[in-house]
């Protein structure tokens, strides 16, 4: 295999990883948006804001 083929294959692998990470980030953004809604009922978030002191 030529060096250029190896480099192109590595670039393609990285592109797939980037696409996967973007997909995961988008899903996390959706989850965060839903959890922030007042009526979400998400048990992982406090009902009252945390005291910053």
PDB file of N, CA and C in Angstrom:
ATOM      1  N   UNK A   1       0.863  -1.183   0.000  1.00  0.00           N
ATOM      2  CA  UNK A   1       0.000   0.000   0.000  1.00  0.00           C
ATOM      3  C   UNK A   1       0.898   1.232   0.000  1.00  0.00           C
ATOM      4  N   UNK A   2       0.507   2.172  -0.785  1.00  0.00           N
ATOM      5  CA  UNK A   2       1.279   3.402  -0.886  1.00  0.00           C
ATOM      6  C   UNK A   2       1.052   4.290   0.326  1.00  0.00           C
ATOM      7  N   UNK A   3       2.011   5.127   0.587  1.00  0.00           N
ATOM      8  CA  UNK A   3       1.898   6.061   1.710  1.00  0.00           C
ATOM      9  C   UNK A   3       0.639   6.911   1.596  1.00  0.00           C
ATOM     10  N   UNK A   4       0.336   7.366   0.390  1.00  0.00           N
ATOM     11  CA  UNK A   4      -0.860   8.200   0.220  1.00  0.00           C
ATOM     12  C   UNK A   4      -2.124   7.429   0.563  1.00  0.00           C
ATOM     13  N   UNK A   5      -2.166   6.147   0.270  1.00  0.00           N
ATOM     14  CA  UNK A   5      -3.321   5.321   0.631  1.00  0.00           C
ATOM     15  C   UNK A   5      -3.449   5.214   2.145  1.00  0.00           C
ATOM     16  N   UNK A   6      -2.338   5.032   2.814  1.00  0.00           N
ATOM     17  CA  UNK A   6      -2.346   4.951   4.282  1.00  0.00           C
ATOM     18  C   UNK A   6      -2.812   6.263   4.899  1.00  0.00           C
ATOM     19  N   UNK A   7      -2.322   7.362   4.368  1.00  0.00           N
ATOM     20  CA  UNK A   7      -2.716   8.675   4.884  1.00  0.00           C
ATOM     21  C   UNK A   7      -4.207   8.924   4.655  1.00  0.00           C
ATOM     22  N   UNK A   8      -4.703   8.561   3.496  1.00  0.00           N
ATOM     23  CA  UNK A   8      -6.125   8.746   3.202  1.00  0.00           C
ATOM     24  C   UNK A   8      -6.986   7.871   4.115  1.00  0.00           C
ATOM     25  N   UNK A   9      -6.540   6.649   4.376  1.00  0.00           N
ATOM     26  CA  UNK A   9      -7.277   5.750   5.263  1.00  0.00           C
ATOM     27  C   UNK A   9      -7.309   6.308   6.680  1.00  0.00           C
ATOM     28  N   UNK A  10      -6.212   6.869   7.130  1.00  0.00           N
ATOM     29  CA  UNK A  10      -6.163   7.457   8.472  1.00  0.00           C
ATOM     30  C   UNK A  10      -7.078   8.673   8.560  1.00  0.00           C
ATOM     31  N   UNK A  11      -7.086   9.478   7.515  1.00  0.00           N
ATOM     32  CA  UNK A  11      -7.978  10.636   7.483  1.00  0.00           C
ATOM     33  C   UNK A  11      -9.433  10.181   7.547  1.00  0.00           C
ATOM     34  N   UNK A  12      -9.768   9.139   6.813  1.00  0.00           N
ATOM     35  CA  UNK A  12     -11.137   8.616   6.829  1.00  0.00           C
ATOM     36  C   UNK A  12     -11.521   8.092   8.213  1.00  0.00           C
ATOM     37  N   UNK A  13     -10.584   7.429   8.875  1.00  0.00           N
ATOM     38  CA  UNK A  13     -10.838   6.925  10.231  1.00  0.00           C
ATOM     39  C   UNK A  13     -11.116   8.088  11.173  1.00  0.00           C
ATOM     40  N   UNK A  14     -10.324   9.135  11.070  1.00  0.00           N
ATOM     41  CA  UNK A  14     -10.503  10.316  11.921  1.00  0.00           C
ATOM     42  C   UNK A  14     -11.836  10.988  11.625  1.00  0.00           C
ATOM     43  N   UNK A  15     -12.201  11.075  10.347  1.00  0.00           N
ATOM     44  CA  UNK A  15     -13.491  11.660   9.979  1.00  0.00           C
ATOM     45  C   UNK A  15     -14.652  10.881  10.600  1.00  0.00           C
ATOM     46  N   UNK A  16     -14.553   9.553  10.631  1.00  0.00           N
ATOM     47  CA  UNK A  16     -15.602   8.737  11.251  1.00  0.00           C
ATOM     48  C   UNK A  16     -15.674   9.005  12.753  1.00  0.00           C
ATOM     49  N   UNK A  17     -14.515   9.132  13.392  1.00  0.00           N
ATOM     50  CA  UNK A  17     -14.502   9.435  14.824  1.00  0.00           C
ATOM     51  C   UNK A  17     -15.130  10.793  15.100  1.00  0.00           C
ATOM     52  N   UNK A  18     -14.817  11.775  14.275  1.00  0.00           N
ATOM     53  CA  UNK A  18     -15.380  13.107  14.449  1.00  0.00           C
ATOM     54  C   UNK A  18     -16.899  13.055  14.308  1.00  0.00           C
ATOM     55  N   UNK A  19     -17.388  12.341  13.316  1.00  0.00           N
ATOM     56  CA  UNK A  19     -18.832  12.218  13.113  1.00  0.00           C
ATOM     57  C   UNK A  19     -19.489  11.542  14.313  1.00  0.00           C
ATOM     58  N   UNK A  20     -18.853  10.496  14.838  1.00  0.00           N
ATOM     59  CA  UNK A  20     -19.384   9.807  16.020  1.00  0.00           C
ATOM     60  C   UNK A  20     -19.436  10.736  17.228  1.00  0.00           C
ATOM     61  N   UNK A  21     -18.378  11.489  17.435  1.00  0.00           N
ATOM     62  CA  UNK A  21     -18.339  12.417  18.568  1.00  0.00           C
ATOM     63  C   UNK A  21     -19.383  13.512  18.429  1.00  0.00           C
ATOM     64  N   UNK A  22     -19.582  14.022  17.225  1.00  0.00           N
ATOM     65  CA  UNK A  22     -20.617  15.038  17.014  1.00  0.00           C
ATOM     66  C   UNK A  22     -21.997  14.480  17.327  1.00  0.00           C
ATOM     67  N   UNK A  23     -22.219  13.251  16.931  1.00  0.00           N
ATOM     68  CA  UNK A  23     -23.502  12.615  17.200  1.00  0.00           C
ATOM     69  C   UNK A  23     -23.743  12.474  18.697  1.00  0.00           C
ATOM     70  N   UNK A  24     -22.743  12.034  19.417  1.00  0.00           N
ATOM     71  CA  UNK A  24     -22.856  11.888  20.874  1.00  0.00           C
ATOM     72  C   UNK A  24     -23.073  13.249  21.529  1.00  0.00           C
ATOM     73  N   UNK A  25     -22.346  14.253  21.065  1.00  0.00           N
ATOM     74  CA  UNK A  25     -22.509  15.603  21.620  1.00  0.00           C
ATOM     75  C   UNK A  25     -23.926  16.116  21.382  1.00  0.00           C
ATOM     76  N   UNK A  26     -24.460  15.884  20.204  1.00  0.00           N
ATOM     77  CA  UNK A  26     -25.829  16.322  19.911  1.00  0.00           C
ATOM     78  C   UNK A  26     -26.839  15.625  20.814  1.00  0.00           C
ATOM     79  N   UNK A  27     -26.644  14.339  21.063  1.00  0.00           N
ATOM     80  CA  UNK A  27     -27.546  13.623  21.965  1.00  0.00           C
ATOM     81  C   UNK A  27     -27.447  14.171  23.380  1.00  0.00           C
ATOM     82  N   UNK A  28     -26.241  14.488  23.819  1.00  0.00           N
ATOM     83  CA  UNK A  28     -26.061  15.089  25.147  1.00  0.00           C
ATOM     84  C   UNK A  28     -26.744  16.448  25.218  1.00  0.00           C
ATOM     85  N   UNK A  29     -26.598  17.252  24.170  1.00  0.00           N
ATOM     86  CA  UNK A  29     -27.270  18.559  24.136  1.00  0.00           C
ATOM     87  C   UNK A  29     -28.779  18.387  24.275  1.00  0.00           C
ATOM     88  N   UNK A  30     -29.339  17.391  23.574  1.00  0.00           N
ATOM     89  CA  UNK A  30     -30.775  17.143  23.669  1.00  0.00           C
ATOM     90  C   UNK A  30     -31.166  16.747  25.088  1.00  0.00           C
ATOM     91  N   UNK A  31     -30.365  15.900  25.713  1.00  0.00           N
ATOM     92  CA  UNK A  31     -30.654  15.466  27.078  1.00  0.00           C
ATOM     93  C   UNK A  31     -30.580  16.638  28.047  1.00  0.00           C
ATOM     94  N   UNK A  32     -29.587  17.487  27.884  1.00  0.00           N
ATOM     95  CA  UNK A  32     -29.431  18.660  28.751  1.00  0.00           C
ATOM     96  C   UNK A  32     -30.624  19.590  28.584  1.00  0.00           C
ATOM     97  N   UNK A  33     -31.032  19.820  27.346  1.00  0.00           N
ATOM     98  CA  UNK A  33     -32.182  20.682  27.081  1.00  0.00           C
ATOM     99  C   UNK A  33     -33.432  20.141  27.759  1.00  0.00           C
ATOM    100  N   UNK A  34     -33.668  18.853  27.627  1.00  0.00           N
ATOM    101  CA  UNK A  34     -34.847  18.243  28.251  1.00  0.00           C
ATOM    102  C   UNK A  34     -34.772  18.317  29.775  1.00  0.00           C
ATOM    103  N   UNK A  35     -33.599  18.055  30.336  1.00  0.00           N
ATOM    104  CA  UNK A  35     -33.438  18.047  31.794  1.00  0.00           C
ATOM    105  C   UNK A  35     -33.620  19.437  32.391  1.00  0.00           C
ATOM    106  N   UNK A  36     -33.337  20.483  31.614  1.00  0.00           N
ATOM    107  CA  UNK A  36     -33.465  21.854  32.114  1.00  0.00           C
ATOM    108  C   UNK A  36     -34.901  22.351  32.126  1.00  0.00           C
ATOM    109  N   UNK A  37     -35.788  21.655  31.449  1.00  0.00           N
ATOM    110  CA  UNK A  37     -37.187  22.081  31.435  1.00  0.00           C
ATOM    111  C   UNK A  37     -37.757  21.945  32.844  1.00  0.00           C
ATOM    112  N   UNK A  38     -38.515  22.957  33.292  1.00  0.00           N
ATOM    113  CA  UNK A  38     -39.047  22.939  34.662  1.00  0.00           C
ATOM    114  C   UNK A  38     -39.891  21.700  34.975  1.00  0.00           C
ATOM    115  N   UNK A  39     -40.568  21.172  33.992  1.00  0.00           N
ATOM    116  CA  UNK A  39     -41.440  20.025  34.232  1.00  0.00           C
ATOM    117  C   UNK A  39     -40.799  18.697  33.837  1.00  0.00           C
ATOM    118  N   UNK A  40     -39.476  18.680  33.717  1.00  0.00           N
ATOM    119  CA  UNK A  40     -38.798  17.463  33.252  1.00  0.00           C
ATOM    120  C   UNK A  40     -38.877  16.339  34.270  1.00  0.00           C
ATOM    121  N   UNK A  41     -38.937  16.681  35.551  1.00  0.00           N
ATOM    122  CA  UNK A  41     -38.971  15.657  36.580  1.00  0.00           C
ATOM    123  C   UNK A  41     -37.662  14.891  36.692  1.00  0.00           C
ATOM    124  N   UNK A  42     -36.624  15.465  36.196  1.00  0.00           N
ATOM    125  CA  UNK A  42     -35.323  14.794  36.226  1.00  0.00           C
ATOM    126  C   UNK A  42     -34.822  14.723  37.671  1.00  0.00           C
ATOM    127  N   UNK A  43     -34.659  13.520  38.231  1.00  0.00           N
ATOM    128  CA  UNK A  43     -34.214  13.391  39.619  1.00  0.00           C
ATOM    129  C   UNK A  43     -32.742  13.738  39.818  1.00  0.00           C
ATOM    130  N   UNK A  44     -32.011  13.907  38.720  1.00  0.00           N
ATOM    131  CA  UNK A  44     -30.587  14.179  38.848  1.00  0.00           C
ATOM    132  C   UNK A  44     -30.289  15.652  39.064  1.00  0.00           C
ATOM    133  N   UNK A  45     -31.306  16.490  38.923  1.00  0.00           N
ATOM    134  CA  UNK A  45     -31.105  17.924  39.103  1.00  0.00           C
ATOM    135  C   UNK A  45     -31.867  18.403  40.325  1.00  0.00           C
ATOM    136  N   UNK A  46     -31.265  19.305  41.106  1.00  0.00           N
ATOM    137  CA  UNK A  46     -31.986  19.823  42.271  1.00  0.00           C
ATOM    138  C   UNK A  46     -33.157  20.689  41.837  1.00  0.00           C
ATOM    139  N   UNK A  47     -34.216  20.674  42.637  1.00  0.00           N
ATOM    140  CA  UNK A  47     -35.385  21.490  42.326  1.00  0.00           C
ATOM    141  C   UNK A  47     -35.058  22.968  42.495  1.00  0.00           C
ATOM    142  N   UNK A  48     -34.185  23.274  43.423  1.00  0.00           N
ATOM    143  CA  UNK A  48     -33.772  24.644  43.676  1.00  0.00           C
ATOM    144  C   UNK A  48     -32.324  24.822  43.189  1.00  0.00           C
ATOM    145  N   UNK A  49     -31.964  26.029  42.761  1.00  0.00           N
ATOM    146  CA  UNK A  49     -30.571  26.264  42.359  1.00  0.00           C
ATOM    147  C   UNK A  49     -29.631  26.007  43.538  1.00  0.00           C
ATOM    148  N   UNK A  50     -28.458  25.518  43.219  1.00  0.00           N
ATOM    149  CA  UNK A  50     -27.451  25.292  44.258  1.00  0.00           C
ATOM    150  C   UNK A  50     -26.942  26.632  44.780  1.00  0.00           C
ATOM    151  N   UNK A  51     -26.703  26.704  46.075  1.00  0.00           N
ATOM    152  CA  UNK A  51     -26.160  27.909  46.689  1.00  0.00           C
ATOM    153  C   UNK A  51     -24.720  28.051  46.271  1.00  0.00           C
ATOM    154  N   UNK A  52     -24.358  29.201  45.719  1.00  0.00           N
ATOM    155  CA  UNK A  52     -23.001  29.390  45.223  1.00  0.00           C
ATOM    156  C   UNK A  52     -22.018  29.808  46.310  1.00  0.00           C
ATOM    157  N   UNK A  53     -22.481  29.998  47.542  1.00  0.00           N
ATOM    158  CA  UNK A  53     -21.562  30.420  48.609  1.00  0.00           C
ATOM    159  C   UNK A  53     -20.898  29.260  49.282  1.00  0.00           C
TER     160      UNK A  53
END
